[in-house]
Amino acid sequence: MIWLLISILTNTLLLLILKGFEKYGVNTLQGIVVNYFIAGTTGLALVGLPDTATLQIGSAGILWIPFVLGFLFISIFFILAKTAQVAGISVATVANKMSLVIPVSIAIVLYNENVGWLKIIGMLAALIAVWMTSKKQEAGKFNMKYALFPILIFVGSGIIDALVNHLQQTIPNKALVPFLLSIAFLTALVIGLVVITFRYLRYHEKVGMKSIIGGIILGVPNYFSIYAVTKALNANLLETSALYPVNNMGIVVCSAIGATLIFRERLSLLNWSGILLSVVAIALIAFS
């Protein structure tokens, strides 16, 4: 249970920090790249390097996953940050956490987990909740630029959760999971460094001290937001199809409260209805 609570806390903290980047003038891309250096090195410092034989045996057939995760981490995280800044934390959170439909569906198909009508209704409700919460209006008109970001987050985050769960479910040596996650973070770092180098050569964009500080603050909770989920899955507290909904329900509620109290975000009645529907959807999936 403690790892589930840590996951909820660190994931909520991530969204609040990313929103803070805008307030304190942190370059989002630079902060995210520094964050992945901190997250990757934190993981390696905690778990160390496995011996070659253990890595070859334990990671046979799944070594590609950390590299795919690394690409998804930095791309989806950047979009998540921009969504939190331009559309609000609650919008970003719901789009991110309603993606549970993807790993839950895969878990049902691949791992023969229980499925019933309530769970199916919950998944459909989750999709509707994403639209309701992400809908923003400007001058009475719906701005489509806010629609694309949540959709990308929804799909990308769902794939990330599914891959992390697949890694946890299939790897013979569970002790290798934290190491492989660290490799994923460092892969994201390398991709980010390539982009930053290009921007420096093309636009003479230098890394600022605010970006370094912001990235350091973001890095540690980012590592534990993923690590805590793998530990909760390994604890067999709940089936995958139930654990993700419970985890995400906590994150959606805590993020909405945090955004309202700290950043004074104002949401429309439709947005709040979407948040409420997301909680109902998650409850249906978790307890069906």
Protein backbone atom coordinates (compact mmCIF):
# COMPACT_ATOMS: atom_id res chain seq x y z
CA MET A 1 0.00 0.00 0.00
CA ILE A 2 2.89 2.39 0.79
CA TRP A 3 4.18 2.16 -2.80
CA LEU A 4 0.74 2.96 -4.16
CA LEU A 5 0.59 6.07 -1.98
CA ILE A 6 4.10 7.10 -3.06
CA SER A 7 3.06 6.73 -6.70
CA ILE A 8 0.04 8.98 -6.17
CA LEU A 9 2.12 11.59 -4.32
CA THR A 10 5.04 11.71 -6.78
CA ASN A 11 2.83 11.77 -9.88
CA THR A 12 0.80 14.63 -8.43
CA LEU A 13 4.01 16.46 -7.57
CA LEU A 14 5.25 16.10 -11.15
CA LEU A 15 2.28 17.98 -12.58
CA LEU A 16 2.56 20.75 -10.01
CA ILE A 17 6.29 21.19 -10.69
CA LEU A 18 5.76 21.27 -14.46
CA LYS A 19 3.12 23.96 -14.01
CA GLY A 20 5.61 25.84 -11.82
CA PHE A 21 8.12 25.87 -14.70
CA GLU A 22 5.91 28.40 -16.46
CA LYS A 23 5.46 30.55 -13.37
CA TYR A 24 9.18 30.75 -12.57
CA GLY A 25 10.45 31.10 -16.13
CA VAL A 26 12.06 27.67 -16.49
CA ASN A 27 12.72 26.54 -20.06
CA THR A 28 10.50 23.46 -20.26
CA LEU A 29 12.67 21.39 -22.61
CA GLN A 30 15.89 22.16 -20.77
CA GLY A 31 14.33 21.43 -17.39
CA ILE A 32 13.00 18.09 -18.63
CA VAL A 33 16.41 17.07 -20.03
CA VAL A 34 18.15 17.88 -16.74
CA ASN A 35 15.38 15.99 -14.97
CA TYR A 36 16.21 12.83 -16.91
CA PHE A 37 19.87 13.09 -15.95
CA ILE A 38 18.83 13.26 -12.30
CA ALA A 39 16.25 10.47 -12.65
CA GLY A 40 18.63 8.15 -14.50
CA THR A 41 21.59 8.66 -12.19
CA THR A 42 19.33 8.36 -9.12
CA GLY A 43 18.19 4.97 -10.34
CA LEU A 44 21.72 3.75 -11.04
CA ALA A 45 22.93 5.04 -7.66
CA LEU A 46 20.18 3.13 -5.86
CA VAL A 47 20.34 -0.20 -7.73
CA GLY A 48 23.86 -0.28 -9.16
CA LEU A 49 25.00 -2.12 -12.29
CA PRO A 50 24.07 -5.79 -12.74
CA ASP A 51 26.73 -8.22 -13.92
CA THR A 52 26.77 -9.06 -17.63
CA ALA A 53 25.49 -12.62 -17.22
CA THR A 54 22.53 -11.54 -15.08
CA LEU A 55 21.59 -8.84 -17.57
CA GLN A 56 21.81 -11.15 -20.58
CA ILE A 57 19.69 -13.86 -18.97
CA GLY A 58 17.20 -11.61 -17.21
CA SER A 59 16.53 -9.21 -20.06
CA ALA A 60 16.41 -11.66 -22.98
CA GLY A 61 13.79 -10.54 -25.49
CA ILE A 62 12.81 -7.33 -23.69
CA LEU A 63 15.94 -5.19 -23.87
CA TRP A 64 14.26 -3.05 -26.53
CA ILE A 65 11.65 -1.81 -24.05
CA PRO A 66 13.85 0.68 -22.12
CA PHE A 67 14.87 2.42 -25.36
CA VAL A 68 11.28 2.74 -26.59
CA LEU A 69 10.29 3.97 -23.13
CA GLY A 70 13.08 6.55 -23.25
CA PHE A 71 11.72 8.05 -26.47
CA LEU A 72 8.18 8.08 -25.12
CA PHE A 73 9.26 9.49 -21.75
CA ILE A 74 10.76 12.68 -23.12
CA SER A 75 8.25 13.28 -25.93
CA ILE A 76 5.12 12.69 -23.85
CA PHE A 77 6.58 14.47 -20.82
CA PHE A 78 7.22 17.58 -22.92
CA ILE A 79 3.67 17.53 -24.28
CA LEU A 80 2.37 16.93 -20.75
CA ALA A 81 4.26 19.97 -19.49
CA LYS A 82 2.95 22.19 -22.27
CA THR A 83 -0.60 20.97 -21.65
CA ALA A 84 -0.35 21.74 -17.95
CA GLN A 85 0.90 25.22 -18.80
CA VAL A 86 -1.54 26.19 -21.54
CA ALA A 87 -4.65 24.22 -20.61
CA GLY A 88 -4.22 23.56 -16.89
CA ILE A 89 -3.01 20.82 -14.56
CA SER A 90 -6.40 19.14 -14.35
CA VAL A 91 -6.63 18.80 -18.13
CA ALA A 92 -3.13 17.33 -18.35
CA THR A 93 -3.74 14.97 -15.43
CA VAL A 94 -7.00 13.53 -16.70
CA ALA A 95 -5.64 13.02 -20.23
CA ASN A 96 -2.58 11.35 -18.71
CA LYS A 97 -4.32 9.13 -16.21
CA MET A 98 -7.38 8.18 -18.23
CA SER A 99 -4.92 6.42 -20.52
CA LEU A 100 -5.30 3.54 -18.06
CA VAL A 101 -7.81 2.18 -20.61
CA ILE A 102 -4.86 1.02 -22.72
CA PRO A 103 -2.83 -0.97 -20.13
CA VAL A 104 -6.01 -2.31 -18.53
CA SER A 105 -7.28 -3.58 -21.89
CA ILE A 106 -3.93 -5.17 -22.68
CA ALA A 107 -3.77 -6.76 -19.22
CA ILE A 108 -7.20 -8.31 -19.74
CA VAL A 109 -6.20 -9.75 -23.13
CA LEU A 110 -2.63 -10.89 -22.39
CA TYR A 111 -2.82 -11.83 -18.71
CA ASN A 112 -6.41 -13.16 -18.58
CA GLU A 113 -7.55 -10.71 -15.90
CA ASN A 114 -11.21 -10.39 -14.97
CA VAL A 115 -13.53 -8.32 -17.14
CA GLY A 116 -17.21 -7.48 -16.73
CA TRP A 117 -19.80 -5.00 -17.88
CA LEU A 118 -18.95 -2.50 -15.14
CA LYS A 119 -15.31 -2.48 -16.23
CA ILE A 120 -16.30 -1.97 -19.87
CA ILE A 121 -18.67 0.87 -18.93
CA GLY A 122 -15.89 2.39 -16.85
CA MET A 123 -13.50 2.38 -19.82
CA LEU A 124 -16.06 4.10 -22.05
CA ALA A 125 -16.76 6.66 -19.33
CA ALA A 126 -13.01 7.30 -19.05
CA LEU A 127 -12.81 8.22 -22.73
CA ILE A 128 -15.72 10.65 -22.38
CA ALA A 129 -14.10 12.15 -19.27
CA VAL A 130 -10.94 12.96 -21.23
CA TRP A 131 -12.94 15.02 -23.72
CA MET A 132 -15.01 16.78 -21.04
CA THR A 133 -12.01 17.75 -18.94
CA SER A 134 -9.79 18.84 -21.81
CA LYS A 135 -12.36 21.02 -23.56
CA LYS A 136 -11.37 24.68 -23.37
CA GLN A 137 -13.11 27.68 -24.84
CA GLU A 138 -11.66 30.97 -26.04
CA ALA A 139 -13.98 33.78 -27.00
CA GLY A 140 -16.82 31.32 -27.08
CA LYS A 141 -15.09 29.02 -29.57
CA PHE A 142 -13.44 25.66 -29.05
CA ASN A 143 -9.70 25.93 -29.76
CA MET A 144 -8.55 22.71 -31.41
CA LYS A 145 -4.93 23.12 -30.30
CA TYR A 146 -6.03 22.07 -26.82
CA ALA A 147 -7.62 18.91 -28.19
CA LEU A 148 -4.50 17.49 -29.84
CA PHE A 149 -2.28 17.63 -26.75
CA PRO A 150 -4.57 15.57 -24.47
CA ILE A 151 -5.08 12.98 -27.22
CA LEU A 152 -1.32 12.55 -27.67
CA ILE A 153 -0.88 12.30 -23.90
CA PHE A 154 -3.69 9.76 -23.67
CA VAL A 155 -2.19 7.44 -26.29
CA GLY A 156 1.46 7.92 -25.32
CA SER A 157 0.91 7.53 -21.58
CA GLY A 158 -1.18 4.42 -22.18
CA ILE A 159 1.63 2.84 -24.17
CA ILE A 160 4.15 3.75 -21.46
CA ASP A 161 2.02 2.15 -18.74
CA ALA A 162 1.47 -0.95 -20.87
CA LEU A 163 5.20 -1.34 -21.55
CA VAL A 164 6.13 -0.85 -17.88
CA ASN A 165 3.55 -3.44 -16.89
CA HIS A 166 4.75 -5.84 -19.60
CA LEU A 167 8.30 -5.40 -18.35
CA GLN A 168 7.20 -6.16 -14.80
CA GLN A 169 5.07 -9.13 -15.83
CA THR A 170 7.52 -10.89 -18.14
CA ILE A 171 11.04 -10.26 -16.86
CA PRO A 172 12.39 -13.34 -15.02
CA ASN A 173 14.56 -11.34 -12.61
CA LYS A 174 12.42 -8.61 -11.03
CA ALA A 175 15.53 -7.01 -9.52
CA LEU A 176 16.52 -5.87 -13.02
CA VAL A 177 13.41 -3.71 -13.47
CA PRO A 178 14.80 -0.61 -11.67
CA PHE A 179 18.02 -0.87 -13.70
CA LEU A 180 16.14 -1.08 -17.00
CA LEU A 181 13.99 1.90 -15.98
CA SER A 182 17.20 3.84 -15.33
CA ILE A 183 18.34 2.97 -18.85
CA ALA A 184 15.03 4.33 -20.15
CA PHE A 185 15.58 7.61 -18.29
CA LEU A 186 19.14 7.90 -19.64
CA THR A 187 17.87 7.18 -23.16
CA ALA A 188 15.48 10.10 -22.76
CA LEU A 189 18.46 12.18 -21.59
CA VAL A 190 20.48 11.37 -24.73
CA ILE A 191 17.55 12.28 -27.00
CA GLY A 192 17.05 15.52 -25.10
CA LEU A 193 20.74 16.42 -25.33
CA VAL A 194 20.62 15.98 -29.09
CA VAL A 195 17.68 18.39 -29.32
CA ILE A 196 19.30 20.92 -26.97
CA THR A 197 22.56 20.76 -28.93
CA PHE A 198 20.68 21.39 -32.16
CA ARG A 199 18.84 24.36 -30.65
CA TYR A 200 22.13 25.78 -29.38
CA LEU A 201 23.80 25.46 -32.77
CA ARG A 202 20.75 26.76 -34.65
CA TYR A 203 19.34 29.39 -32.28
CA HIS A 204 22.24 29.90 -29.80
CA GLU A 205 19.89 28.84 -27.00
CA LYS A 206 21.92 28.30 -23.82
CA VAL A 207 20.94 26.22 -20.79
CA GLY A 208 19.98 28.56 -17.95
CA MET A 209 20.50 28.09 -14.22
CA LYS A 210 16.73 28.07 -13.67
CA SER A 211 16.47 25.07 -16.01
CA ILE A 212 19.14 23.20 -14.07
CA ILE A 213 17.49 23.90 -10.70
CA GLY A 214 14.02 23.06 -12.05
CA GLY A 215 15.28 19.82 -13.57
CA ILE A 216 16.94 18.77 -10.32
CA ILE A 217 13.72 19.39 -8.39
CA LEU A 218 11.73 17.41 -10.98
CA GLY A 219 14.13 14.49 -11.41
CA VAL A 220 13.81 12.63 -8.11
CA PRO A 221 9.99 12.48 -7.97
CA ASN A 222 9.98 11.55 -11.67
CA TYR A 223 12.13 8.48 -11.00
CA PHE A 224 10.04 7.36 -8.05
CA SER A 225 6.76 7.97 -9.91
CA ILE A 226 7.70 5.07 -12.20
CA TYR A 227 9.62 2.98 -9.67
CA ALA A 228 6.74 3.07 -7.17
CA VAL A 229 4.31 1.71 -9.77
CA THR A 230 6.57 -1.28 -10.49
CA LYS A 231 6.91 -1.99 -6.76
CA ALA A 232 3.13 -1.79 -6.31
CA LEU A 233 2.62 -4.18 -9.23
CA ASN A 234 5.19 -6.56 -7.78
CA ALA A 235 3.48 -6.52 -4.38
CA ASN A 236 0.37 -8.15 -5.92
CA LEU A 237 -1.86 -5.85 -3.88
CA LEU A 238 -4.34 -5.66 -6.76
CA GLU A 239 -4.64 -7.00 -10.28
CA THR A 240 -3.13 -4.72 -12.92
CA SER A 241 -6.62 -3.91 -14.22
CA ALA A 242 -7.53 -2.65 -10.73
CA LEU A 243 -4.25 -1.15 -9.52
CA TYR A 244 -3.88 1.35 -12.36
CA PRO A 245 -7.42 2.74 -11.90
CA VAL A 246 -7.01 3.12 -8.13
CA ASN A 247 -3.62 4.76 -8.59
CA ASN A 248 -4.89 7.12 -11.26
CA MET A 249 -8.05 8.00 -9.35
CA GLY A 250 -5.87 9.28 -6.52
CA ILE A 251 -3.69 11.28 -8.90
CA VAL A 252 -6.65 12.89 -10.69
CA VAL A 253 -8.26 14.01 -7.43
CA CYS A 254 -5.03 15.19 -5.76
CA SER A 255 -3.90 17.09 -8.88
CA ALA A 256 -7.24 18.88 -9.22
CA ILE A 257 -7.13 19.92 -5.57
CA GLY A 258 -3.49 20.99 -5.82
CA ALA A 259 -4.07 23.02 -8.99
CA THR A 260 -7.00 24.81 -7.41
CA LEU A 261 -5.24 25.59 -4.11
CA ILE A 262 -1.75 26.43 -5.40
CA PHE A 263 -2.30 27.90 -8.87
CA ARG A 264 -5.92 29.05 -8.52
CA GLU A 265 -6.91 27.28 -11.71
CA ARG A 266 -10.45 27.98 -12.83
CA LEU A 267 -12.32 25.17 -14.49
CA SER A 268 -15.68 25.26 -16.19
CA LEU A 269 -18.65 23.22 -15.05
CA LEU A 270 -17.97 20.83 -17.94
CA ASN A 271 -14.35 20.43 -16.82
CA TRP A 272 -15.37 19.65 -13.23
CA SER A 273 -18.01 17.25 -14.51
CA GLY A 274 -15.28 15.51 -16.50
CA ILE A 275 -13.11 15.17 -13.40
CA LEU A 276 -16.06 13.75 -11.46
CA LEU A 277 -16.84 11.35 -14.30
CA SER A 278 -13.19 10.25 -14.38
CA VAL A 279 -13.36 9.32 -10.70
CA VAL A 280 -16.57 7.35 -11.33
CA ALA A 281 -14.98 5.65 -14.33
CA ILE A 282 -11.89 4.64 -12.37
CA ALA A 283 -14.02 3.32 -9.50
CA LEU A 284 -16.09 1.22 -11.94
CA ILE A 285 -12.93 -0.27 -13.45
CA ALA A 286 -11.21 -0.87 -10.13
CA PHE A 287 -14.03 -2.47 -8.18
CA SER A 288 -15.93 -4.35 -10.89
